[in-house]
Amino acid sequence: MSSLMNRLILLSLFFACFSWVGLPTGISNTAGKPGRTGAPGDISTCVSCHNSSPLAPLNENIRVTINGNPLTASFKYDNSITYAMRLSIDNPASSRGGFSLTALDENNNMAGALSTIDGNAQLYTLSNRTYLAHNSNAATAWDFTWAPNGVNGEVTFYASVNDANNNGQISGDIIRPYVLKIYPSEATSIDRQAIEDAVSIAVLGNQIQLNVDYTASYPITARLLSVNGAQCIPKTMLTPGRSTTLDASSISAGIYILNVEARSSSYLQMISLQ
């Protein structure tokens, strides 16, 4: 009986070991993570997990299309349009990959809205930013949409792509960083006079009250600058039909410049704070 028990135990250990060895680690097959695009303020890139994989030159073997056409720095966006986009690994040898992507404005805040439209990617939110990242499906291309939603300035797409070798390990892959800036088209511009007509300004001591006409169908922002151009109050979104107050109580009395912007147009007005 003892000899039989010993054989059974050894046989069980053998199958247990065989099963463990045969299981894929799944490390490169797991879902992506937010904050790995390499953008300012991000944790890192895909290298943070695949730390033994080499980093490729910027934008090498990465293809991004917008409405079916290659996205280049010369592309000018219309902030009233939602764009169909695709990110893919431009490497015929690739059979599986992963990615993390976001779009930021000139202040490194979220620029517009991202949305996934296929079954190979998912959305994350981290530190007031939205990220797209791969899920556990095997893919080398990912489809999504980007809606500027009234953004009227520089937009930068940041992405980090894992060009995986499909060995189930964190080694032997290639991490491909991607950065591209685009700007609004002239079609998004509006007449400077139209902005001035839409906004009324009242200064009460150290409070700046701005009222936007409810008929304004475009986003308007305002920020306060010193006479030498230094920013004193950050860019603030104004809502049509409502009043917005810029609190300048922490700023010394004096002459300042109020910069009001809409799309790619703006106007300046001198402000005297008491």
C-alpha atoms as a PDB file:
ATOM      1  CA  MET A   1       0.000   0.000   0.000  1.00  0.00           C
ATOM      2  CA  SER A   2       2.847   2.358   0.873  1.00  0.00           C
ATOM      3  CA  SER A   3       4.568   1.726  -2.484  1.00  0.00           C
ATOM      4  CA  LEU A   4       1.309   2.381  -4.376  1.00  0.00           C
ATOM      5  CA  MET A   5       0.699   5.605  -2.460  1.00  0.00           C
ATOM      6  CA  ASN A   6       4.198   6.811  -3.251  1.00  0.00           C
ATOM      7  CA  ARG A   7       3.638   6.156  -6.970  1.00  0.00           C
ATOM      8  CA  LEU A   8       0.344   8.038  -6.906  1.00  0.00           C
ATOM      9  CA  ILE A   9       1.961  11.005  -5.176  1.00  0.00           C
ATOM     10  CA  LEU A  10       4.836  11.111  -7.674  1.00  0.00           C
ATOM     11  CA  LEU A  11       2.408  10.815 -10.585  1.00  0.00           C
ATOM     12  CA  SER A  12       0.287  13.682  -9.218  1.00  0.00           C
ATOM     13  CA  LEU A  13       3.349  15.861  -8.787  1.00  0.00           C
ATOM     14  CA  PHE A  14       4.452  15.079 -12.341  1.00  0.00           C
ATOM     15  CA  PHE A  15       1.110  16.121 -13.864  1.00  0.00           C
ATOM     16  CA  ALA A  16       0.929  19.198 -11.662  1.00  0.00           C
ATOM     17  CA  CYS A  17       4.390  20.271 -12.781  1.00  0.00           C
ATOM     18  CA  PHE A  18       3.617  19.494 -16.430  1.00  0.00           C
ATOM     19  CA  SER A  19       0.410  21.534 -16.269  1.00  0.00           C
ATOM     20  CA  TRP A  20       2.207  24.498 -14.670  1.00  0.00           C
ATOM     21  CA  VAL A  21       4.965  24.481 -17.283  1.00  0.00           C
ATOM     22  CA  GLY A  22       2.429  24.276 -20.077  1.00  0.00           C
ATOM     23  CA  LEU A  23       0.446  27.294 -18.906  1.00  0.00           C
ATOM     24  CA  PRO A  24       1.216  30.523 -20.776  1.00  0.00           C
ATOM     25  CA  THR A  25       2.214  33.371 -18.510  1.00  0.00           C
ATOM     26  CA  GLY A  26      -0.114  35.721 -20.356  1.00  0.00           C
ATOM     27  CA  ILE A  27       2.005  38.723 -19.445  1.00  0.00           C
ATOM     28  CA  SER A  28       1.946  40.239 -22.911  1.00  0.00           C
ATOM     29  CA  ASN A  29      -1.663  39.167 -23.443  1.00  0.00           C
ATOM     30  CA  THR A  30      -3.181  41.133 -20.580  1.00  0.00           C
ATOM     31  CA  ALA A  31      -5.134  44.349 -20.981  1.00  0.00           C
ATOM     32  CA  GLY A  32      -3.317  47.660 -21.263  1.00  0.00           C
ATOM     33  CA  LYS A  33      -2.996  50.300 -18.581  1.00  0.00           C
ATOM     34  CA  PRO A  34      -3.657  54.055 -18.497  1.00  0.00           C
ATOM     35  CA  GLY A  35      -0.878  56.577 -18.036  1.00  0.00           C
ATOM     36  CA  ARG A  36       1.655  54.723 -20.170  1.00  0.00           C
ATOM     37  CA  THR A  37       1.698  56.995 -23.231  1.00  0.00           C
ATOM     38  CA  GLY A  38       4.861  58.935 -22.408  1.00  0.00           C
ATOM     39  CA  ALA A  39       2.874  62.193 -22.243  1.00  0.00           C
ATOM     40  CA  PRO A  40       3.894  64.860 -19.693  1.00  0.00           C
ATOM     41  CA  GLY A  41       2.701  63.725 -16.282  1.00  0.00           C
ATOM     42  CA  ASP A  42       2.292  60.078 -17.306  1.00  0.00           C
ATOM     43  CA  ILE A  43       3.825  57.214 -15.356  1.00  0.00           C
ATOM     44  CA  SER A  44       5.980  56.138 -18.299  1.00  0.00           C
ATOM     45  CA  THR A  45       5.454  54.151 -21.507  1.00  0.00           C
ATOM     46  CA  CYS A  46       4.918  50.435 -22.095  1.00  0.00           C
ATOM     47  CA  VAL A  47       8.557  50.085 -20.954  1.00  0.00           C
ATOM     48  CA  SER A  48       7.295  50.373 -17.363  1.00  0.00           C
ATOM     49  CA  CYS A  49       6.009  46.784 -17.657  1.00  0.00           C
ATOM     50  CA  HIS A  50       8.111  45.493 -20.554  1.00  0.00           C
ATOM     51  CA  ASN A  51      11.310  46.825 -19.035  1.00  0.00           C
ATOM     52  CA  SER A  52      13.627  44.439 -20.869  1.00  0.00           C
ATOM     53  CA  SER A  53      12.288  45.392 -24.301  1.00  0.00           C
ATOM     54  CA  PRO A  54      14.151  47.933 -26.467  1.00  0.00           C
ATOM     55  CA  LEU A  55      12.709  51.384 -27.187  1.00  0.00           C
ATOM     56  CA  ALA A  56      12.357  52.136 -30.906  1.00  0.00           C
ATOM     57  CA  PRO A  57      12.922  55.601 -32.444  1.00  0.00           C
ATOM     58  CA  LEU A  58       9.988  58.008 -32.174  1.00  0.00           C
ATOM     59  CA  ASN A  59       7.087  57.236 -34.576  1.00  0.00           C
ATOM     60  CA  GLU A  60       8.940  54.326 -36.198  1.00  0.00           C
ATOM     61  CA  ASN A  61       6.686  51.607 -37.666  1.00  0.00           C
ATOM     62  CA  ILE A  62       3.514  53.157 -36.285  1.00  0.00           C
ATOM     63  CA  ARG A  63       0.663  54.131 -38.580  1.00  0.00           C
ATOM     64  CA  VAL A  64      -2.177  56.439 -37.565  1.00  0.00           C
ATOM     65  CA  THR A  65      -5.039  57.318 -39.895  1.00  0.00           C
ATOM     66  CA  ILE A  66      -7.825  59.853 -39.555  1.00  0.00           C
ATOM     67  CA  ASN A  67     -10.959  59.318 -41.645  1.00  0.00           C
ATOM     68  CA  GLY A  68      -8.948  56.765 -43.617  1.00  0.00           C
ATOM     69  CA  ASN A  69      -6.032  59.075 -44.475  1.00  0.00           C
ATOM     70  CA  PRO A  70      -2.574  59.109 -42.868  1.00  0.00           C
ATOM     71  CA  LEU A  71      -2.416  61.541 -39.964  1.00  0.00           C
ATOM     72  CA  THR A  72       0.451  64.010 -40.446  1.00  0.00           C
ATOM     73  CA  ALA A  73       1.519  67.263 -38.813  1.00  0.00           C
ATOM     74  CA  SER A  74      -0.011  69.146 -41.753  1.00  0.00           C
ATOM     75  CA  PHE A  75      -3.521  67.887 -40.914  1.00  0.00           C
ATOM     76  CA  LYS A  76      -5.883  70.657 -39.744  1.00  0.00           C
ATOM     77  CA  TYR A  77      -8.859  69.590 -37.658  1.00  0.00           C
ATOM     78  CA  ASP A  78     -12.357  71.031 -37.541  1.00  0.00           C
ATOM     79  CA  ASN A  79     -13.499  71.154 -33.920  1.00  0.00           C
ATOM     80  CA  SER A  80     -17.129  70.455 -34.835  1.00  0.00           C
ATOM     81  CA  ILE A  81     -16.356  67.051 -36.405  1.00  0.00           C
ATOM     82  CA  THR A  82     -15.938  63.605 -34.841  1.00  0.00           C
ATOM     83  CA  TYR A  83     -13.078  61.745 -36.524  1.00  0.00           C
ATOM     84  CA  ALA A  84     -12.702  58.012 -37.128  1.00  0.00           C
ATOM     85  CA  MET A  85      -9.133  57.026 -36.339  1.00  0.00           C
ATOM     86  CA  ARG A  86      -6.967  53.921 -36.428  1.00  0.00           C
ATOM     87  CA  LEU A  87      -3.675  53.136 -34.712  1.00  0.00           C
ATOM     88  CA  SER A  88      -1.729  50.192 -36.099  1.00  0.00           C
ATOM     89  CA  ILE A  89       1.703  48.590 -36.001  1.00  0.00           C
ATOM     90  CA  ASP A  90       3.314  49.011 -39.407  1.00  0.00           C
ATOM     91  CA  ASN A  91       5.349  45.817 -39.183  1.00  0.00           C
ATOM     92  CA  PRO A  92       4.366  42.739 -41.279  1.00  0.00           C
ATOM     93  CA  ALA A  93       6.089  40.447 -38.778  1.00  0.00           C
ATOM     94  CA  SER A  94       3.793  41.529 -35.919  1.00  0.00           C
ATOM     95  CA  SER A  95       1.012  39.178 -34.824  1.00  0.00           C
ATOM     96  CA  ARG A  96       0.056  40.792 -31.531  1.00  0.00           C
ATOM     97  CA  GLY A  97       0.506  44.147 -29.887  1.00  0.00           C
ATOM     98  CA  GLY A  98      -0.676  46.528 -27.209  1.00  0.00           C
ATOM     99  CA  PHE A  99      -0.922  50.260 -26.747  1.00  0.00           C
ATOM    100  CA  SER A 100      -1.880  53.230 -24.582  1.00  0.00           C
ATOM    101  CA  LEU A 101      -2.994  56.520 -26.191  1.00  0.00           C
ATOM    102  CA  THR A 102      -4.299  59.936 -25.194  1.00  0.00           C
ATOM    103  CA  ALA A 103      -4.794  63.414 -26.722  1.00  0.00           C
ATOM    104  CA  LEU A 104      -3.782  66.566 -24.817  1.00  0.00           C
ATOM    105  CA  ASP A 105      -4.086  70.297 -25.388  1.00  0.00           C
ATOM    106  CA  GLU A 106      -1.312  72.894 -25.064  1.00  0.00           C
ATOM    107  CA  ASN A 107      -1.747  72.913 -21.262  1.00  0.00           C
ATOM    108  CA  ASN A 108      -1.452  69.109 -21.088  1.00  0.00           C
ATOM    109  CA  ASN A 109      -5.139  68.753 -20.285  1.00  0.00           C
ATOM    110  CA  MET A 110      -7.467  66.351 -22.060  1.00  0.00           C
ATOM    111  CA  ALA A 111      -8.220  67.542 -25.604  1.00  0.00           C
ATOM    112  CA  GLY A 112     -11.692  66.494 -26.695  1.00  0.00           C
ATOM    113  CA  ALA A 113     -13.143  63.018 -26.226  1.00  0.00           C
ATOM    114  CA  LEU A 114     -11.853  59.569 -27.165  1.00  0.00           C
ATOM    115  CA  SER A 115     -14.109  56.579 -27.733  1.00  0.00           C
ATOM    116  CA  THR A 116     -13.417  53.005 -28.762  1.00  0.00           C
ATOM    117  CA  ILE A 117     -15.385  51.554 -31.668  1.00  0.00           C
ATOM    118  CA  ASP A 118     -13.988  48.028 -31.902  1.00  0.00           C
ATOM    119  CA  GLY A 119     -13.681  45.066 -29.560  1.00  0.00           C
ATOM    120  CA  ASN A 120      -9.918  45.351 -29.184  1.00  0.00           C
ATOM    121  CA  ALA A 121      -9.608  48.471 -27.035  1.00  0.00           C
ATOM    122  CA  GLN A 122     -11.045  49.964 -23.899  1.00  0.00           C
ATOM    123  CA  LEU A 123     -11.251  53.347 -22.140  1.00  0.00           C
ATOM    124  CA  TYR A 124      -9.648  54.347 -18.861  1.00  0.00           C
ATOM    125  CA  THR A 125      -9.743  57.555 -16.830  1.00  0.00           C
ATOM    126  CA  LEU A 126      -6.747  58.636 -14.776  1.00  0.00           C
ATOM    127  CA  SER A 127      -5.951  62.075 -13.323  1.00  0.00           C
ATOM    128  CA  ASN A 128      -8.690  63.796 -15.372  1.00  0.00           C
ATOM    129  CA  ARG A 129      -7.396  62.278 -18.602  1.00  0.00           C
ATOM    130  CA  THR A 130      -9.004  59.657 -20.807  1.00  0.00           C
ATOM    131  CA  TYR A 131      -6.834  56.888 -22.201  1.00  0.00           C
ATOM    132  CA  LEU A 132      -7.409  54.224 -24.815  1.00  0.00           C
ATOM    133  CA  ALA A 133      -5.610  50.934 -24.303  1.00  0.00           C
ATOM    134  CA  HIS A 134      -5.715  47.408 -25.712  1.00  0.00           C
ATOM    135  CA  ASN A 135      -7.660  44.587 -24.130  1.00  0.00           C
ATOM    136  CA  SER A 136      -6.629  40.928 -24.055  1.00  0.00           C
ATOM    137  CA  ASN A 137      -7.587  40.263 -27.695  1.00  0.00           C
ATOM    138  CA  ALA A 138      -4.790  39.556 -30.157  1.00  0.00           C
ATOM    139  CA  ALA A 139      -4.571  42.603 -32.427  1.00  0.00           C
ATOM    140  CA  THR A 140      -2.107  44.856 -34.194  1.00  0.00           C
ATOM    141  CA  ALA A 141      -4.622  47.590 -35.113  1.00  0.00           C
ATOM    142  CA  TRP A 142      -7.182  49.482 -33.056  1.00  0.00           C
ATOM    143  CA  ASP A 143     -10.085  51.671 -34.221  1.00  0.00           C
ATOM    144  CA  PHE A 144     -11.430  54.603 -32.205  1.00  0.00           C
ATOM    145  CA  THR A 145     -12.953  58.062 -32.553  1.00  0.00           C
ATOM    146  CA  TRP A 146     -11.722  61.458 -31.485  1.00  0.00           C
ATOM    147  CA  ALA A 147     -14.109  64.406 -31.069  1.00  0.00           C
ATOM    148  CA  PRO A 148     -12.374  67.784 -30.505  1.00  0.00           C
ATOM    149  CA  ASN A 149     -15.556  69.063 -28.833  1.00  0.00           C
ATOM    150  CA  GLY A 150     -14.693  72.715 -29.331  1.00  0.00           C
ATOM    151  CA  VAL A 151     -10.948  72.500 -28.712  1.00  0.00           C
ATOM    152  CA  ASN A 152      -9.389  75.426 -30.536  1.00  0.00           C
ATOM    153  CA  GLY A 153      -5.630  75.086 -30.272  1.00  0.00           C
ATOM    154  CA  GLU A 154      -2.705  72.742 -30.456  1.00  0.00           C
ATOM    155  CA  VAL A 155      -3.522  69.061 -29.874  1.00  0.00           C
ATOM    156  CA  THR A 156      -0.876  66.401 -29.301  1.00  0.00           C
ATOM    157  CA  PHE A 157      -1.508  62.685 -29.645  1.00  0.00           C
ATOM    158  CA  TYR A 158       0.716  60.611 -27.377  1.00  0.00           C
ATOM    159  CA  ALA A 159       0.934  56.836 -27.666  1.00  0.00           C
ATOM    160  CA  SER A 160       3.153  53.978 -26.638  1.00  0.00           C
ATOM    161  CA  VAL A 161       2.826  50.748 -28.630  1.00  0.00           C
ATOM    162  CA  ASN A 162       4.105  47.333 -27.644  1.00  0.00           C
ATOM    163  CA  ASP A 163       5.149  45.477 -30.810  1.00  0.00           C
ATOM    164  CA  ALA A 164       5.022  42.068 -29.138  1.00  0.00           C
ATOM    165  CA  ASN A 165       6.738  38.869 -30.240  1.00  0.00           C
ATOM    166  CA  ASN A 166       3.851  36.790 -28.830  1.00  0.00           C
ATOM    167  CA  ASN A 167       6.042  34.619 -26.589  1.00  0.00           C
ATOM    168  CA  GLY A 168       3.939  35.333 -23.490  1.00  0.00           C
ATOM    169  CA  GLN A 169       6.869  37.046 -21.788  1.00  0.00           C
ATOM    170  CA  ILE A 170       7.884  40.668 -21.143  1.00  0.00           C
ATOM    171  CA  SER A 171      11.134  40.207 -23.056  1.00  0.00           C
ATOM    172  CA  GLY A 172      11.897  40.407 -26.764  1.00  0.00           C
ATOM    173  CA  ASP A 173       9.184  42.925 -27.606  1.00  0.00           C
ATOM    174  CA  ILE A 174       9.755  46.367 -29.159  1.00  0.00           C
ATOM    175  CA  ILE A 175       8.272  49.457 -27.526  1.00  0.00           C
ATOM    176  CA  ARG A 176       7.343  52.105 -30.089  1.00  0.00           C
ATOM    177  CA  PRO A 177       6.679  55.680 -28.842  1.00  0.00           C
ATOM    178  CA  TYR A 178       4.489  58.061 -30.836  1.00  0.00           C
ATOM    179  CA  VAL A 179       3.993  61.835 -30.613  1.00  0.00           C
ATOM    180  CA  LEU A 180       2.230  64.074 -33.160  1.00  0.00           C
ATOM    181  CA  LYS A 181       0.953  67.654 -32.895  1.00  0.00           C
ATOM    182  CA  ILE A 182      -1.921  68.986 -35.005  1.00  0.00           C
ATOM    183  CA  TYR A 183      -3.660  72.355 -35.187  1.00  0.00           C
ATOM    184  CA  PRO A 184      -7.165  73.673 -35.992  1.00  0.00           C
ATOM    185  CA  SER A 185      -8.165  74.568 -39.522  1.00  0.00           C
ATOM    186  CA  GLU A 186      -9.174  78.017 -40.669  1.00  0.00           C
ATOM    187  CA  ALA A 187     -12.723  76.670 -40.785  1.00  0.00           C
ATOM    188  CA  THR A 188     -12.724  76.668 -36.991  1.00  0.00           C
ATOM    189  CA  SER A 189     -11.868  80.350 -36.849  1.00  0.00           C
ATOM    190  CA  ILE A 190     -14.460  83.003 -36.177  1.00  0.00           C
ATOM    191  CA  ASP A 191     -14.316  86.747 -36.621  1.00  0.00           C
ATOM    192  CA  ARG A 192     -12.618  88.602 -33.758  1.00  0.00           C
ATOM    193  CA  GLN A 193     -15.443  91.111 -33.679  1.00  0.00           C
ATOM    194  CA  ALA A 194     -17.943  88.284 -33.180  1.00  0.00           C
ATOM    195  CA  ILE A 195     -16.111  87.208 -30.035  1.00  0.00           C
ATOM    196  CA  GLU A 196     -16.014  90.764 -28.729  1.00  0.00           C
ATOM    197  CA  ASP A 197     -19.731  91.176 -29.395  1.00  0.00           C
ATOM    198  CA  ALA A 198     -20.567  87.903 -27.638  1.00  0.00           C
ATOM    199  CA  VAL A 199     -18.742  88.718 -24.389  1.00  0.00           C
ATOM    200  CA  SER A 200     -19.449  91.537 -21.954  1.00  0.00           C
ATOM    201  CA  ILE A 201     -16.876  92.377 -19.276  1.00  0.00           C
ATOM    202  CA  ALA A 202     -17.322  94.111 -15.929  1.00  0.00           C
ATOM    203  CA  VAL A 203     -14.587  94.689 -13.346  1.00  0.00           C
ATOM    204  CA  LEU A 204     -15.701  95.073  -9.733  1.00  0.00           C
ATOM    205  CA  GLY A 205     -12.637  95.736  -7.582  1.00  0.00           C
ATOM    206  CA  ASN A 206     -10.574  92.580  -7.952  1.00  0.00           C
ATOM    207  CA  GLN A 207     -13.342  90.497  -9.543  1.00  0.00           C
ATOM    208  CA  ILE A 208     -13.702  90.195 -13.324  1.00  0.00           C
ATOM    209  CA  GLN A 209     -17.204  89.252 -14.428  1.00  0.00           C
ATOM    210  CA  LEU A 210     -17.681  87.875 -17.932  1.00  0.00           C
ATOM    211  CA  ASN A 211     -21.054  87.234 -19.523  1.00  0.00           C
ATOM    212  CA  VAL A 212     -21.373  85.294 -22.770  1.00  0.00           C
ATOM    213  CA  ASP A 213     -24.388  85.697 -25.007  1.00  0.00           C
ATOM    214  CA  TYR A 214     -26.531  82.543 -25.010  1.00  0.00           C
ATOM    215  CA  THR A 215     -26.494  82.494 -28.825  1.00  0.00           C
ATOM    216  CA  ALA A 216     -22.725  81.800 -28.956  1.00  0.00           C
ATOM    217  CA  SER A 217     -22.444  78.331 -30.503  1.00  0.00           C
ATOM    218  CA  TYR A 218     -18.688  77.953 -29.975  1.00  0.00           C
ATOM    219  CA  PRO A 219     -16.511  77.582 -26.867  1.00  0.00           C
ATOM    220  CA  ILE A 220     -14.975  80.767 -25.479  1.00  0.00           C
ATOM    221  CA  THR A 221     -12.150  80.952 -22.942  1.00  0.00           C
ATOM    222  CA  ALA A 222     -10.560  83.781 -20.984  1.00  0.00           C
ATOM    223  CA  ARG A 223      -7.294  84.186 -19.103  1.00  0.00           C
ATOM    224  CA  LEU A 224      -5.571  87.093 -17.401  1.00  0.00           C
ATOM    225  CA  LEU A 225      -2.036  88.129 -18.330  1.00  0.00           C
ATOM    226  CA  SER A 226       0.379  90.639 -16.883  1.00  0.00           C
ATOM    227  CA  VAL A 227       1.521  93.471 -19.148  1.00  0.00           C
ATOM    228  CA  ASN A 228       4.670  91.470 -19.923  1.00  0.00           C
ATOM    229  CA  GLY A 229       2.630  88.434 -20.998  1.00  0.00           C
ATOM    230  CA  ALA A 230       2.963  86.238 -17.893  1.00  0.00           C
ATOM    231  CA  GLN A 231      -0.167  84.248 -17.064  1.00  0.00           C
ATOM    232  CA  CYS A 232      -1.858  85.406 -13.851  1.00  0.00           C
ATOM    233  CA  ILE A 233      -5.167  83.512 -14.089  1.00  0.00           C
ATOM    234  CA  PRO A 234      -5.212  80.272 -16.147  1.00  0.00           C
ATOM    235  CA  LYS A 235      -7.487  79.753 -19.126  1.00  0.00           C
ATOM    236  CA  THR A 236     -11.099  79.454 -17.970  1.00  0.00           C
ATOM    237  CA  MET A 237     -14.010  78.128 -20.026  1.00  0.00           C
ATOM    238  CA  LEU A 238     -16.957  80.513 -20.377  1.00  0.00           C
ATOM    239  CA  THR A 239     -20.461  79.093 -20.731  1.00  0.00           C
ATOM    240  CA  PRO A 240     -22.949  80.705 -23.172  1.00  0.00           C
ATOM    241  CA  GLY A 241     -25.879  82.282 -21.345  1.00  0.00           C
ATOM    242  CA  ARG A 242     -24.078  82.329 -18.001  1.00  0.00           C
ATOM    243  CA  SER A 243     -21.840  84.594 -15.969  1.00  0.00           C
ATOM    244  CA  THR A 244     -18.304  83.576 -15.019  1.00  0.00           C
ATOM    245  CA  THR A 245     -16.212  85.439 -12.442  1.00  0.00           C
ATOM    246  CA  LEU A 246     -12.409  85.438 -12.488  1.00  0.00           C
ATOM    247  CA  ASP A 247     -11.213  85.926  -8.920  1.00  0.00           C
ATOM    248  CA  ALA A 248      -8.152  88.182  -8.927  1.00  0.00           C
ATOM    249  CA  SER A 249      -8.060  88.782  -5.166  1.00  0.00           C
ATOM    250  CA  SER A 250      -4.631  87.117  -4.903  1.00  0.00           C
ATOM    251  CA  ILE A 251      -3.158  89.457  -7.522  1.00  0.00           C
ATOM    252  CA  SER A 252      -1.758  92.921  -6.853  1.00  0.00           C
ATOM    253  CA  ALA A 253      -3.726  95.934  -8.041  1.00  0.00           C
ATOM    254  CA  GLY A 254      -2.673  97.307 -11.393  1.00  0.00           C
ATOM    255  CA  ILE A 255      -3.106  97.053 -15.141  1.00  0.00           C
ATOM    256  CA  TYR A 256      -3.541  93.611 -16.722  1.00  0.00           C
ATOM    257  CA  ILE A 257      -4.497  92.128 -20.073  1.00  0.00           C
ATOM    258  CA  LEU A 258      -7.629  90.004 -20.445  1.00  0.00           C
ATOM    259  CA  ASN A 259      -7.175  87.537 -23.313  1.00  0.00           C
ATOM    260  CA  VAL A 260     -10.501  86.198 -24.651  1.00  0.00           C
ATOM    261  CA  GLU A 261     -10.256  83.341 -27.196  1.00  0.00           C
ATOM    262  CA  ALA A 262     -12.637  81.365 -29.373  1.00  0.00           C
ATOM    263  CA  ARG A 263     -11.327  78.714 -31.709  1.00  0.00           C
ATOM    264  CA  SER A 264      -8.232  80.207 -33.327  1.00  0.00           C
ATOM    265  CA  SER A 265      -9.259  83.858 -32.846  1.00  0.00           C
ATOM    266  CA  SER A 266      -8.831  86.113 -29.841  1.00  0.00           C
ATOM    267  CA  TYR A 267      -8.951  89.682 -28.628  1.00  0.00           C
ATOM    268  CA  LEU A 268      -7.199  91.541 -25.806  1.00  0.00           C
ATOM    269  CA  GLN A 269      -8.629  94.078 -23.402  1.00  0.00           C
ATOM    270  CA  MET A 270      -6.783  96.119 -20.792  1.00  0.00           C
ATOM    271  CA  ILE A 271      -8.129  95.552 -17.264  1.00  0.00           C
ATOM    272  CA  SER A 272      -7.524  97.736 -14.204  1.00  0.00           C
ATOM    273  CA  LEU A 273      -7.723  95.867 -10.894  1.00  0.00           C
ATOM    274  CA  GLN A 274      -8.299  97.856  -7.718  1.00  0.00           C
END
